[in-house]
Amino acid sequence: MKTLSLVRWACLTLVLGTPSLWAQSAKNQVSLLARAELHEKIGEWDRACEIYEALLRSDRSKALKDRYRTAVNRLSQFRRHRDLSFQKEVLSLNLPQSLELYALIRDTLLEHGLERRTTSASDLFRKGAEEFEAALSDSFFVQTHVAPDRLAALPAYRAYVRGTLDGAHKLTPNLLQKKMREVALAAQDQLGIRPTVAVMEFASGACHGLDEYTAYLTPAQLRELLDSIKGRTIGIGINLTFREGKILVAVVQPYSPAAEQKIDVGDQILAIDKKGVMGLPTESVHELLEGSADSTIEIDLLTTTMGMRSVMMLRRPIYLASVGVQYKSGGVGVLQITCFQDTTLQEFDDALFKLGQMGDVRGLVLDLRGNPGGSFEAAIELARRFLSSGNITATHFADPKFNVLYQSRNPNALTLPVFVVLDGDTASAAEVFAGALKENDRARLIGAPTFGKGCTQCIVKLTPIAGLPTGGLRLTIARFTSPKGRPYSGVGIQPDLFAPSETSLNAAVAEMQKQLGIMLP
């Protein structure tokens, strides 16, 4: 299919978990679940997801996974409804054009998805109806799209949508398209909702229903994802966190506009472009930070050192490094790999060169804590840097003839002893890399069990319609297994030595120094 991207992406949909939540004792799980439910009730889906991700590290039950998946879907819907590229570009399509887009998405899911053998047109319609029903219960969606004088008709129309599922168990793709048109026109007739709005809710729901990682991407989300693979983003260079009712700066990228304006980690965000952020979900605040290159943004801050201050900046491209370098006593080099992207291999080679300038490197510690994955190919190639021979991973597609066994044959592979540091946020492509080194007896692993995401996605760029960008899909196309054929999904990788996340790096460095026979005071 021409629209299938060659880039395979093996990252998490969300990585919001925090070690502090993970550290909660088992008796506090009920309290955490109650907090998650409260966040759900008030529409703070990002915070609900954060709690579920923390709980999933110790509880992999189906009930908890289902609750997490629902929260992820609602968070995706929350983002989509507020996405300007979606509103101005995709929703400007007329009904025939939106049905053409739906058909393209439908056929991609049914022909190329990993679960296509067990997925029917009826399944896609049912999941789409569930998505539309959820939208019709959301106050923001209703205020945005339902005509004020038609609000009284909302309960009857919602009952109509639920009723469309009766007899929908034998839909062919053509009948699905016809039924979609009927539902969309009924939305216009009864509620004043533009038909394209209804069609796109069905399209998004069909994607979410396929598996937990397949998703529709708005034009802006597609651009951001493709930029992230290249290690590039547009912005001012900060990441945020929510703590004790405050929106705080969690990360400041070096050489970014924020760094140049001396914004510090821990500074509290009070307002963005004169809009107060108190009470807003973290996701909404992140959206206020977004904008095109060279656009202006004003941020009001409360700092611990300078008090209240207002900062004006220009958004610009920021190139994000994926490999950090440290040199420890006794010739131990520490490389922190935060994700796998197009630049990771070159960054890794540059980091080795930099370590060589710092001193005699006798052993390596690779820090993969918090690494959500990224480029599947980059992880494979980095594993080959360390393996003279052996299996790396195997991918398993819906059609077995496309299965691939990845191996290494590199007589020039690095021979330095290696420790790899892991935690519960180490996932996907990072698990491929760590698992390859562990099962080939090339490295010892220290830390905590990994997340357990054993599938890979490709990015599908959907064909523009009427000259308008239509976004894309993140589509699950294969599962991968360890060199010895073990699955990663729901299981993850067990470390050789267990250590808390906050001390695991120091423990790995100490173990490496001990292995090298280094005696420190």
Protein backbone atom coordinates (compact mmCIF):
# COMPACT_ATOMS: atom_id res chain seq x y z
CA MET A 1 0.00 0.00 0.00
CA LYS A 2 1.52 3.29 -1.07
CA THR A 3 0.66 5.17 2.11
CA LEU A 4 2.54 2.78 4.42
CA SER A 5 5.61 4.48 5.84
CA LEU A 6 8.94 2.70 5.88
CA VAL A 7 9.55 3.96 9.40
CA ARG A 8 8.68 1.46 12.11
CA TRP A 9 8.10 3.03 15.45
CA ALA A 10 8.16 1.03 18.64
CA CYS A 11 7.30 3.61 21.26
CA LEU A 12 4.67 3.90 23.95
CA THR A 13 1.50 5.86 23.33
CA LEU A 14 2.03 7.51 26.68
CA VAL A 15 4.81 7.53 29.24
CA LEU A 16 3.54 9.58 32.15
CA GLY A 17 4.33 7.36 35.14
CA THR A 18 6.45 8.58 38.03
CA PRO A 19 8.64 6.60 40.44
CA SER A 20 6.86 8.19 43.43
CA LEU A 21 3.57 6.62 42.37
CA TRP A 22 5.22 3.28 41.68
CA ALA A 23 6.66 3.22 45.19
CA GLN A 24 3.18 3.17 46.73
CA SER A 25 2.52 0.08 48.87
CA ALA A 26 -0.10 -2.46 47.90
CA LYS A 27 -2.54 -1.23 50.55
CA ASN A 28 -2.59 2.18 48.89
CA GLN A 29 -3.69 0.79 45.53
CA VAL A 30 -7.36 1.22 46.41
CA SER A 31 -6.67 4.88 47.21
CA LEU A 32 -4.82 5.32 43.91
CA LEU A 33 -7.71 3.75 42.00
CA ALA A 34 -10.12 6.14 43.72
CA ARG A 35 -7.89 9.06 42.69
CA ALA A 36 -7.86 7.82 39.09
CA GLU A 37 -11.66 7.57 39.07
CA LEU A 38 -11.91 11.12 40.41
CA HIS A 39 -9.63 12.41 37.65
CA GLU A 40 -11.78 10.57 35.10
CA LYS A 41 -14.97 12.15 36.41
CA ILE A 42 -13.59 15.67 35.96
CA GLY A 43 -11.97 14.91 32.60
CA GLU A 44 -8.34 14.92 33.73
CA TRP A 45 -7.45 11.92 31.61
CA ASP A 46 -3.71 12.58 31.60
CA ARG A 47 -3.56 12.28 35.38
CA ALA A 48 -5.75 9.18 35.36
CA CYS A 49 -3.37 7.59 32.83
CA GLU A 50 -0.41 8.49 35.04
CA ILE A 51 -1.90 6.59 37.97
CA TYR A 52 -2.89 3.56 35.88
CA GLU A 53 0.59 3.34 34.37
CA ALA A 54 2.13 3.36 37.84
CA LEU A 55 -0.27 0.64 39.04
CA LEU A 56 0.34 -1.51 35.96
CA ARG A 57 3.97 -1.95 36.94
CA SER A 58 2.90 -4.26 39.76
CA ASP A 59 -0.59 -5.30 38.64
CA ARG A 60 -0.97 -6.61 35.08
CA SER A 61 -4.59 -7.74 35.55
CA LYS A 62 -6.98 -7.50 32.60
CA ALA A 63 -9.36 -5.27 34.58
CA LEU A 64 -6.66 -2.68 35.22
CA LYS A 65 -5.39 -2.87 31.64
CA ASP A 66 -8.94 -2.25 30.37
CA ARG A 67 -9.35 0.79 32.61
CA TYR A 68 -6.02 2.15 31.45
CA ARG A 69 -6.90 1.59 27.80
CA THR A 70 -10.20 3.43 28.24
CA ALA A 71 -8.39 6.35 29.86
CA VAL A 72 -5.84 6.44 27.03
CA ASN A 73 -8.63 6.52 24.45
CA ARG A 74 -10.40 9.35 26.23
CA LEU A 75 -7.14 11.29 26.52
CA SER A 76 -6.61 10.84 22.79
CA GLN A 77 -10.15 12.11 22.17
CA PHE A 78 -9.54 15.07 24.51
CA ARG A 79 -6.44 16.02 22.50
CA ARG A 80 -8.11 15.57 19.13
CA HIS A 81 -11.11 17.75 19.98
CA ARG A 82 -8.79 20.63 20.87
CA ASP A 83 -6.28 20.16 18.06
CA LEU A 84 -6.33 23.17 15.73
CA SER A 85 -4.93 21.21 12.78
CA PHE A 86 -7.79 18.73 13.16
CA GLN A 87 -10.42 21.46 13.47
CA LYS A 88 -9.18 23.64 10.61
CA GLU A 89 -7.98 21.00 8.15
CA VAL A 90 -9.63 17.61 8.65
CA LEU A 91 -13.03 18.87 9.79
CA SER A 92 -13.20 21.25 6.83
CA LEU A 93 -13.76 18.25 4.53
CA ASN A 94 -17.29 17.78 3.23
CA LEU A 95 -19.23 14.55 3.77
CA PRO A 96 -18.14 12.70 0.58
CA GLN A 97 -14.52 13.66 1.27
CA SER A 98 -14.68 12.54 4.91
CA LEU A 99 -16.23 9.23 3.85
CA GLU A 100 -13.37 8.82 1.39
CA LEU A 101 -10.93 9.37 4.26
CA TYR A 102 -12.83 6.91 6.43
CA ALA A 103 -12.66 4.30 3.68
CA LEU A 104 -8.89 4.78 3.44
CA ILE A 105 -8.52 4.31 7.20
CA ARG A 106 -10.90 1.34 7.19
CA ASP A 107 -9.03 -0.46 4.42
CA THR A 108 -5.64 0.22 6.03
CA LEU A 109 -6.83 -1.31 9.31
CA LEU A 110 -8.45 -4.34 7.67
CA GLU A 111 -5.61 -5.04 5.24
CA HIS A 112 -2.46 -4.18 7.17
CA GLY A 113 -3.18 -4.29 10.92
CA LEU A 114 -1.65 -7.06 13.00
CA GLU A 115 -5.10 -8.16 14.18
CA ARG A 116 -6.70 -8.02 10.74
CA ARG A 117 -7.49 -11.74 10.71
CA THR A 118 -9.73 -11.31 13.75
CA THR A 119 -11.10 -7.85 12.89
CA SER A 120 -14.19 -7.26 10.75
CA ALA A 121 -15.97 -4.25 9.32
CA SER A 122 -18.61 -4.76 12.03
CA ASP A 123 -15.93 -4.50 14.72
CA LEU A 124 -14.74 -1.19 13.30
CA PHE A 125 -18.30 0.17 13.21
CA ARG A 126 -18.99 -0.91 16.79
CA LYS A 127 -15.81 0.72 18.12
CA GLY A 128 -16.58 3.85 16.13
CA ALA A 129 -20.07 4.05 17.62
CA GLU A 130 -18.58 3.72 21.12
CA GLU A 131 -16.18 6.59 20.37
CA PHE A 132 -18.97 8.80 19.06
CA GLU A 133 -21.12 7.98 22.09
CA ALA A 134 -18.27 9.02 24.39
CA ALA A 135 -17.92 12.29 22.46
CA LEU A 136 -21.64 12.99 22.82
CA SER A 137 -21.26 12.72 26.61
CA ASP A 138 -18.38 15.21 26.67
CA SER A 139 -19.39 18.79 27.46
CA PHE A 140 -16.64 20.35 25.34
CA PHE A 141 -17.64 18.35 22.27
CA VAL A 142 -21.32 19.11 22.78
CA GLN A 143 -20.72 22.84 23.25
CA THR A 144 -18.50 22.92 20.18
CA HIS A 145 -20.58 20.90 17.73
CA VAL A 146 -24.21 20.55 18.85
CA ALA A 147 -26.58 23.38 17.91
CA PRO A 148 -27.84 25.09 21.11
CA ASP A 149 -31.48 24.71 20.07
CA ARG A 150 -31.03 20.93 19.54
CA LEU A 151 -29.68 19.99 23.00
CA ALA A 152 -33.02 18.51 24.02
CA ALA A 153 -32.70 15.99 21.18
CA LEU A 154 -29.34 14.69 22.44
CA PRO A 155 -30.65 11.75 24.55
CA ALA A 156 -32.81 10.49 21.68
CA TYR A 157 -29.94 10.68 19.20
CA ARG A 158 -27.59 8.87 21.58
CA ALA A 159 -30.19 6.11 21.87
CA TYR A 160 -30.34 6.03 18.07
CA VAL A 161 -26.54 5.58 17.86
CA ARG A 162 -26.68 2.69 20.32
CA GLY A 163 -29.51 1.21 18.32
CA THR A 164 -27.43 1.20 15.14
CA LEU A 165 -25.37 -1.60 16.69
CA ASP A 166 -28.34 -3.94 16.42
CA GLY A 167 -27.86 -5.94 13.27
CA ALA A 168 -24.40 -4.47 12.69
CA HIS A 169 -22.66 -7.82 13.24
CA LYS A 170 -22.67 -8.76 9.55
CA LEU A 171 -21.49 -5.56 7.89
CA THR A 172 -19.41 -5.69 4.74
CA PRO A 173 -17.05 -2.77 4.05
CA ASN A 174 -19.58 -1.33 1.56
CA LEU A 175 -22.50 -1.67 3.97
CA LEU A 176 -20.33 -0.10 6.67
CA GLN A 177 -19.81 2.94 4.46
CA LYS A 178 -23.55 3.22 3.82
CA LYS A 179 -24.38 2.94 7.51
CA MET A 180 -21.73 5.55 8.34
CA ARG A 181 -23.37 7.99 5.94
CA GLU A 182 -26.79 7.41 7.53
CA VAL A 183 -25.48 8.05 11.07
CA ALA A 184 -23.62 11.20 9.98
CA LEU A 185 -26.64 12.66 8.19
CA ALA A 186 -28.85 11.86 11.19
CA ALA A 187 -26.40 13.77 13.41
CA GLN A 188 -26.78 16.79 11.15
CA ASP A 189 -30.57 16.49 11.00
CA GLN A 190 -31.20 15.90 14.72
CA LEU A 191 -28.36 17.79 16.43
CA GLY A 192 -26.92 20.17 13.85
CA ILE A 193 -23.55 18.36 13.97
CA ARG A 194 -21.63 18.60 10.72
CA PRO A 195 -21.52 15.09 9.16
CA THR A 196 -17.72 15.13 8.88
CA VAL A 197 -17.45 15.52 12.67
CA ALA A 198 -19.42 12.30 13.19
CA VAL A 199 -17.45 10.43 10.53
CA MET A 200 -14.11 11.31 12.13
CA GLU A 201 -15.28 10.13 15.55
CA PHE A 202 -16.12 6.78 13.97
CA ALA A 203 -12.76 6.72 12.19
CA SER A 204 -10.82 7.45 15.38
CA GLY A 205 -12.77 4.87 17.34
CA ALA A 206 -12.07 2.23 14.70
CA CYS A 207 -8.33 2.82 15.19
CA HIS A 208 -8.52 2.64 18.98
CA GLY A 209 -10.54 -0.54 18.78
CA LEU A 210 -7.92 -2.44 16.83
CA ASP A 211 -5.37 -2.69 19.66
CA GLU A 212 -4.01 -0.57 22.48
CA TYR A 213 -1.32 1.17 20.39
CA THR A 214 -2.97 1.78 17.01
CA ALA A 215 -4.32 5.34 16.80
CA TYR A 216 -5.41 8.07 14.44
CA LEU A 217 -2.98 11.01 14.31
CA THR A 218 -4.09 14.53 13.51
CA PRO A 219 -1.94 16.44 10.99
CA ALA A 220 -0.13 18.19 13.86
CA GLN A 221 0.41 14.94 15.77
CA LEU A 222 1.79 13.28 12.64
CA ARG A 223 4.26 16.12 12.11
CA GLU A 224 5.33 16.00 15.75
CA LEU A 225 5.87 12.24 15.67
CA LEU A 226 7.93 12.39 12.47
CA ASP A 227 9.96 15.23 13.97
CA SER A 228 10.55 13.25 17.15
CA ILE A 229 11.99 10.36 15.15
CA LYS A 230 14.47 12.83 13.73
CA GLY A 231 15.21 14.18 17.22
CA ARG A 232 13.60 17.51 16.39
CA THR A 233 10.74 19.50 17.87
CA ILE A 234 9.27 23.00 17.67
CA GLY A 235 8.89 24.92 20.90
CA ILE A 236 10.70 26.68 23.71
CA GLY A 237 12.35 23.61 25.23
CA ILE A 238 10.50 22.77 28.44
CA ASN A 239 8.52 19.80 29.75
CA LEU A 240 6.01 20.17 32.57
CA THR A 241 4.82 18.15 35.52
CA PHE A 242 1.90 18.48 37.96
CA ARG A 243 2.72 18.45 41.66
CA GLU A 244 0.66 19.52 44.68
CA GLY A 245 -1.77 21.48 42.56
CA LYS A 246 0.94 23.34 40.65
CA ILE A 247 2.24 23.17 37.07
CA LEU A 248 6.03 23.04 37.37
CA VAL A 249 8.90 22.95 34.89
CA ALA A 250 10.28 19.39 34.91
CA VAL A 251 12.89 19.60 32.12
CA VAL A 252 14.72 22.47 30.40
CA GLN A 253 16.45 21.52 27.15
CA PRO A 254 20.00 22.88 26.77
CA TYR A 255 20.47 25.69 24.23
CA SER A 256 16.69 26.19 23.98
CA PRO A 257 14.81 29.53 24.26
CA ALA A 258 13.83 28.55 27.82
CA ALA A 259 17.46 27.87 28.77
CA GLU A 260 18.54 31.17 27.26
CA GLN A 261 15.90 32.96 29.37
CA LYS A 262 17.20 31.14 32.48
CA ILE A 263 13.99 29.25 33.18
CA ASP A 264 14.83 26.59 35.78
CA VAL A 265 13.50 23.18 36.77
CA GLY A 266 11.00 23.75 39.58
CA ASP A 267 9.75 27.12 38.33
CA GLN A 268 5.96 27.33 38.55
CA ILE A 269 3.98 28.24 35.41
CA LEU A 270 1.28 30.77 36.28
CA ALA A 271 0.03 31.88 32.85
CA ILE A 272 0.75 31.41 29.15
CA ASP A 273 -0.08 34.29 26.84
CA LYS A 274 -2.08 35.88 29.69
CA LYS A 275 -4.17 32.71 30.17
CA GLY A 276 -3.98 31.40 33.72
CA VAL A 277 -3.16 27.71 34.02
CA MET A 278 -4.36 27.09 37.60
CA GLY A 279 -6.74 24.12 37.52
CA LEU A 280 -5.97 23.16 33.93
CA PRO A 281 -4.89 19.57 33.15
CA THR A 282 -1.18 19.26 32.33
CA GLU A 283 -2.15 18.21 28.81
CA SER A 284 -4.02 21.48 28.24
CA VAL A 285 -1.04 23.49 29.49
CA HIS A 286 1.27 21.62 27.11
CA GLU A 287 -1.08 22.54 24.26
CA LEU A 288 -0.80 26.22 25.19
CA LEU A 289 2.98 25.88 24.78
CA GLU A 290 2.61 24.59 21.22
CA GLY A 291 2.86 26.77 18.14
CA SER A 292 4.63 27.25 14.84
CA ALA A 293 8.27 28.19 14.46
CA ASP A 294 9.00 31.91 15.01
CA SER A 295 5.69 32.48 16.80
CA THR A 296 5.79 34.43 20.07
CA ILE A 297 4.89 33.07 23.48
CA GLU A 298 4.75 34.87 26.84
CA ILE A 299 5.05 32.92 30.09
CA ASP A 300 4.44 34.20 33.62
CA LEU A 301 6.52 32.33 36.20
CA LEU A 302 6.95 32.09 39.94
CA THR A 303 10.58 31.21 40.69
CA THR A 304 12.38 30.41 43.92
CA THR A 305 15.25 32.78 43.14
CA MET A 306 13.77 35.69 41.16
CA GLY A 307 10.18 35.75 42.38
CA MET A 308 7.50 36.64 39.82
CA ARG A 309 8.72 37.21 36.30
CA SER A 310 7.34 37.37 32.77
CA VAL A 311 9.34 35.97 29.84
CA MET A 312 8.74 36.54 26.11
CA MET A 313 10.24 34.00 23.68
CA LEU A 314 10.10 32.82 20.08
CA ARG A 315 9.35 29.18 19.39
CA ARG A 316 11.98 27.54 17.18
CA PRO A 317 13.26 24.11 16.08
CA ILE A 318 15.05 22.32 18.92
CA TYR A 319 17.23 19.30 18.28
CA LEU A 320 17.01 16.85 21.16
CA ALA A 321 19.94 14.65 22.04
CA SER A 322 19.18 11.00 22.80
CA VAL A 323 22.57 10.07 24.29
CA GLY A 324 24.16 11.69 27.34
CA VAL A 325 27.74 11.13 28.53
CA GLN A 326 29.40 10.80 31.94
CA TYR A 327 32.83 9.53 32.96
CA LYS A 328 33.21 7.77 36.31
CA SER A 329 36.26 6.86 38.36
CA GLY A 330 38.27 3.88 37.22
CA GLY A 331 37.45 4.14 33.53
CA VAL A 332 33.68 3.56 33.68
CA GLY A 333 31.79 5.33 30.93
CA VAL A 334 28.08 6.02 31.49
CA LEU A 335 25.84 6.60 28.47
CA GLN A 336 22.25 7.60 29.10
CA ILE A 337 20.08 6.64 26.12
CA THR A 338 16.78 8.49 26.56
CA CYS A 339 15.12 7.15 23.39
CA PHE A 340 15.94 5.59 20.02
CA GLN A 341 15.74 7.99 17.08
CA ASP A 342 17.40 8.57 13.72
CA THR A 343 20.36 10.32 15.33
CA THR A 344 21.03 7.78 18.10
CA LEU A 345 23.70 5.73 16.33
CA GLN A 346 25.75 8.77 15.38
CA GLU A 347 25.27 10.21 18.86
CA PHE A 348 26.45 6.92 20.35
CA ASP A 349 29.61 6.93 18.22
CA ASP A 350 30.25 10.57 19.14
CA ALA A 351 29.71 9.74 22.82
CA LEU A 352 32.29 6.94 22.70
CA PHE A 353 34.77 9.35 21.14
CA LYS A 354 34.04 11.92 23.86
CA LEU A 355 34.53 9.30 26.58
CA GLY A 356 37.89 8.41 25.04
CA GLN A 357 38.93 12.04 25.41
CA MET A 358 37.90 12.02 29.07
CA GLY A 359 40.03 9.04 29.98
CA ASP A 360 40.76 5.35 29.50
CA VAL A 361 37.36 3.62 29.15
CA ARG A 362 37.41 0.06 30.53
CA GLY A 363 33.69 -0.60 30.93
CA LEU A 364 30.31 0.84 29.90
CA VAL A 365 27.10 1.41 31.81
CA LEU A 366 24.11 2.05 29.55
CA ASP A 367 21.28 3.85 31.36
CA LEU A 368 17.92 3.01 29.76
CA ARG A 369 15.73 4.16 32.65
CA GLY A 370 12.69 5.99 31.32
CA ASN A 371 13.52 5.08 27.71
CA PRO A 372 10.09 4.55 26.05
CA GLY A 373 11.56 3.03 22.87
CA GLY A 374 11.37 4.77 19.55
CA SER A 375 12.93 3.68 16.28
CA PHE A 376 12.97 -0.11 16.04
CA GLU A 377 15.74 -0.02 13.42
CA ALA A 378 17.97 2.20 15.57
CA ALA A 379 17.68 -0.25 18.48
CA ILE A 380 18.58 -3.18 16.20
CA GLU A 381 21.63 -1.38 14.82
CA LEU A 382 22.83 -0.34 18.26
CA ALA A 383 22.58 -3.96 19.44
CA ARG A 384 24.83 -4.92 16.52
CA ARG A 385 27.45 -2.54 17.90
CA PHE A 386 27.79 -4.92 20.86
CA LEU A 387 27.14 -8.38 19.37
CA SER A 388 29.72 -10.13 17.19
CA SER A 389 27.09 -12.79 16.47
CA GLY A 390 23.71 -14.03 17.67
CA ASN A 391 20.00 -13.34 17.37
CA ILE A 392 18.68 -9.89 18.30
CA THR A 393 14.92 -10.25 17.97
CA ALA A 394 12.24 -11.76 15.73
CA THR A 395 9.19 -9.96 14.37
CA HIS A 396 5.93 -11.84 13.87
CA PHE A 397 3.36 -10.49 11.39
CA ALA A 398 -0.24 -11.49 10.69
CA ASP A 399 1.08 -13.19 7.56
CA PRO A 400 3.98 -15.45 8.64
CA LYS A 401 5.75 -15.09 5.31
CA PHE A 402 6.75 -11.57 6.38
CA ASN A 403 8.31 -12.70 9.68
CA VAL A 404 11.92 -11.61 10.13
CA LEU A 405 14.72 -12.87 12.37
CA TYR A 406 17.23 -10.11 13.09
CA GLN A 407 20.78 -11.25 13.71
CA SER A 408 24.19 -9.74 14.22
CA ARG A 409 27.38 -10.63 12.41
CA ASN A 410 29.87 -7.97 13.42
CA PRO A 411 33.50 -9.02 13.85
CA ASN A 412 34.28 -5.45 14.96
CA ALA A 413 31.74 -5.41 17.80
CA LEU A 414 32.71 -3.65 21.02
CA THR A 415 34.26 -5.95 23.60
CA LEU A 416 34.08 -3.73 26.68
CA PRO A 417 32.13 -5.20 29.62
CA VAL A 418 28.61 -3.75 29.79
CA PHE A 419 25.92 -3.18 32.41
CA VAL A 420 22.44 -1.99 31.39
CA VAL A 421 20.21 -0.08 33.84
CA LEU A 422 16.43 -0.57 33.54
CA ASP A 423 13.21 0.52 35.20
CA GLY A 424 9.47 0.20 34.72
CA ASP A 425 9.48 2.90 32.03
CA THR A 426 12.03 1.06 29.88
CA ALA A 427 9.89 -0.14 27.00
CA SER A 428 9.50 -1.38 23.45
CA ALA A 429 12.59 -0.77 21.29
CA ALA A 430 14.60 -0.29 24.49
CA GLU A 431 13.45 -3.76 25.56
CA VAL A 432 14.56 -5.17 22.21
CA PHE A 433 18.04 -3.76 22.79
CA ALA A 434 18.31 -4.81 26.45
CA GLY A 435 16.86 -8.27 25.79
CA ALA A 436 19.33 -8.87 22.96
CA LEU A 437 22.31 -8.08 25.17
CA LYS A 438 20.98 -10.12 28.09
CA GLU A 439 20.09 -13.32 26.21
CA ASN A 440 23.36 -13.27 24.28
CA ASP A 441 25.23 -13.03 27.61
CA ARG A 442 26.69 -9.72 26.48
CA ALA A 443 25.56 -7.58 29.41
CA ARG A 444 24.24 -7.78 32.95
CA LEU A 445 21.00 -5.93 33.71
CA ILE A 446 20.42 -3.93 36.89
CA GLY A 447 17.26 -2.18 38.11
CA ALA A 448 13.60 -3.14 37.90
CA PRO A 449 11.44 -5.17 35.47
CA THR A 450 10.70 -3.32 32.25
CA PHE A 451 7.30 -2.15 30.99
CA GLY A 452 6.55 -5.08 28.67
CA LYS A 453 5.54 -3.71 25.27
CA GLY A 454 6.26 -6.32 22.65
CA CYS A 455 4.89 -4.87 19.43
CA THR A 456 6.03 -2.46 16.78
CA GLN A 457 4.15 0.13 14.75
CA CYS A 458 4.58 1.77 11.39
CA ILE A 459 3.56 5.33 10.67
CA VAL A 460 1.02 5.65 7.87
CA LYS A 461 0.76 9.08 6.25
CA LEU A 462 -2.77 9.35 4.89
CA THR A 463 -3.25 10.78 1.41
CA PRO A 464 -4.31 14.47 1.34
CA ILE A 465 -7.86 15.10 0.14
CA ALA A 466 -8.81 18.25 -1.76
CA GLY A 467 -5.31 19.52 -1.06
CA LEU A 468 -5.79 19.29 2.71
CA PRO A 469 -3.60 17.20 5.03
CA THR A 470 -5.58 14.41 6.65
CA GLY A 471 -3.12 13.18 9.28
CA GLY A 472 -1.98 9.61 9.66
CA LEU A 473 -2.11 6.39 11.61
CA ARG A 474 0.18 4.74 14.10
CA LEU A 475 -0.52 1.14 13.11
CA THR A 476 0.58 -2.00 14.95
CA ILE A 477 2.00 -4.38 12.35
CA ALA A 478 4.04 -6.96 14.26
CA ARG A 479 4.94 -8.48 17.61
CA PHE A 480 8.54 -9.07 18.55
CA THR A 481 10.16 -11.66 20.77
CA SER A 482 13.49 -12.05 22.52
CA PRO A 483 16.47 -13.85 20.92
CA LYS A 484 15.27 -17.07 22.60
CA GLY A 485 11.70 -16.57 21.42
CA ARG A 486 10.24 -15.18 24.65
CA PRO A 487 7.45 -12.58 24.38
CA TYR A 488 7.87 -9.12 25.90
CA SER A 489 4.23 -8.00 25.99
CA GLY A 490 2.83 -7.98 29.50
CA VAL A 491 6.02 -9.61 30.80
CA GLY A 492 8.95 -7.31 30.18
CA ILE A 493 12.53 -8.16 31.06
CA GLN A 494 13.72 -9.22 34.49
CA PRO A 495 17.02 -7.67 35.63
CA ASP A 496 19.89 -9.81 36.86
CA LEU A 497 20.22 -7.58 39.93
CA PHE A 498 17.27 -5.70 41.41
CA ALA A 499 17.69 -2.10 42.56
CA PRO A 500 15.35 0.89 43.09
CA SER A 501 15.25 3.30 40.16
CA GLU A 502 16.77 6.16 42.13
CA THR A 503 19.87 4.10 43.12
CA SER A 504 20.19 1.65 40.24
CA LEU A 505 22.65 3.73 38.22
CA ASN A 506 25.02 4.09 41.17
CA ALA A 507 24.65 0.38 41.83
CA ALA A 508 25.55 -0.44 38.23
CA VAL A 509 28.61 1.82 38.32
CA ALA A 510 29.72 0.22 41.59
CA GLU A 511 29.25 -3.28 40.15
CA MET A 512 31.26 -2.34 37.06
CA GLN A 513 34.06 -0.90 39.19
CA LYS A 514 34.06 -4.08 41.26
CA GLN A 515 34.20 -6.24 38.11
CA LEU A 516 37.13 -4.19 36.83
CA GLY A 517 38.93 -4.70 40.11
CA ILE A 518 38.89 -1.02 41.02
CA MET A 519 39.42 -0.27 44.71
CA LEU A 520 37.88 3.05 45.70
CA PRO A 521 38.18 4.83 49.06
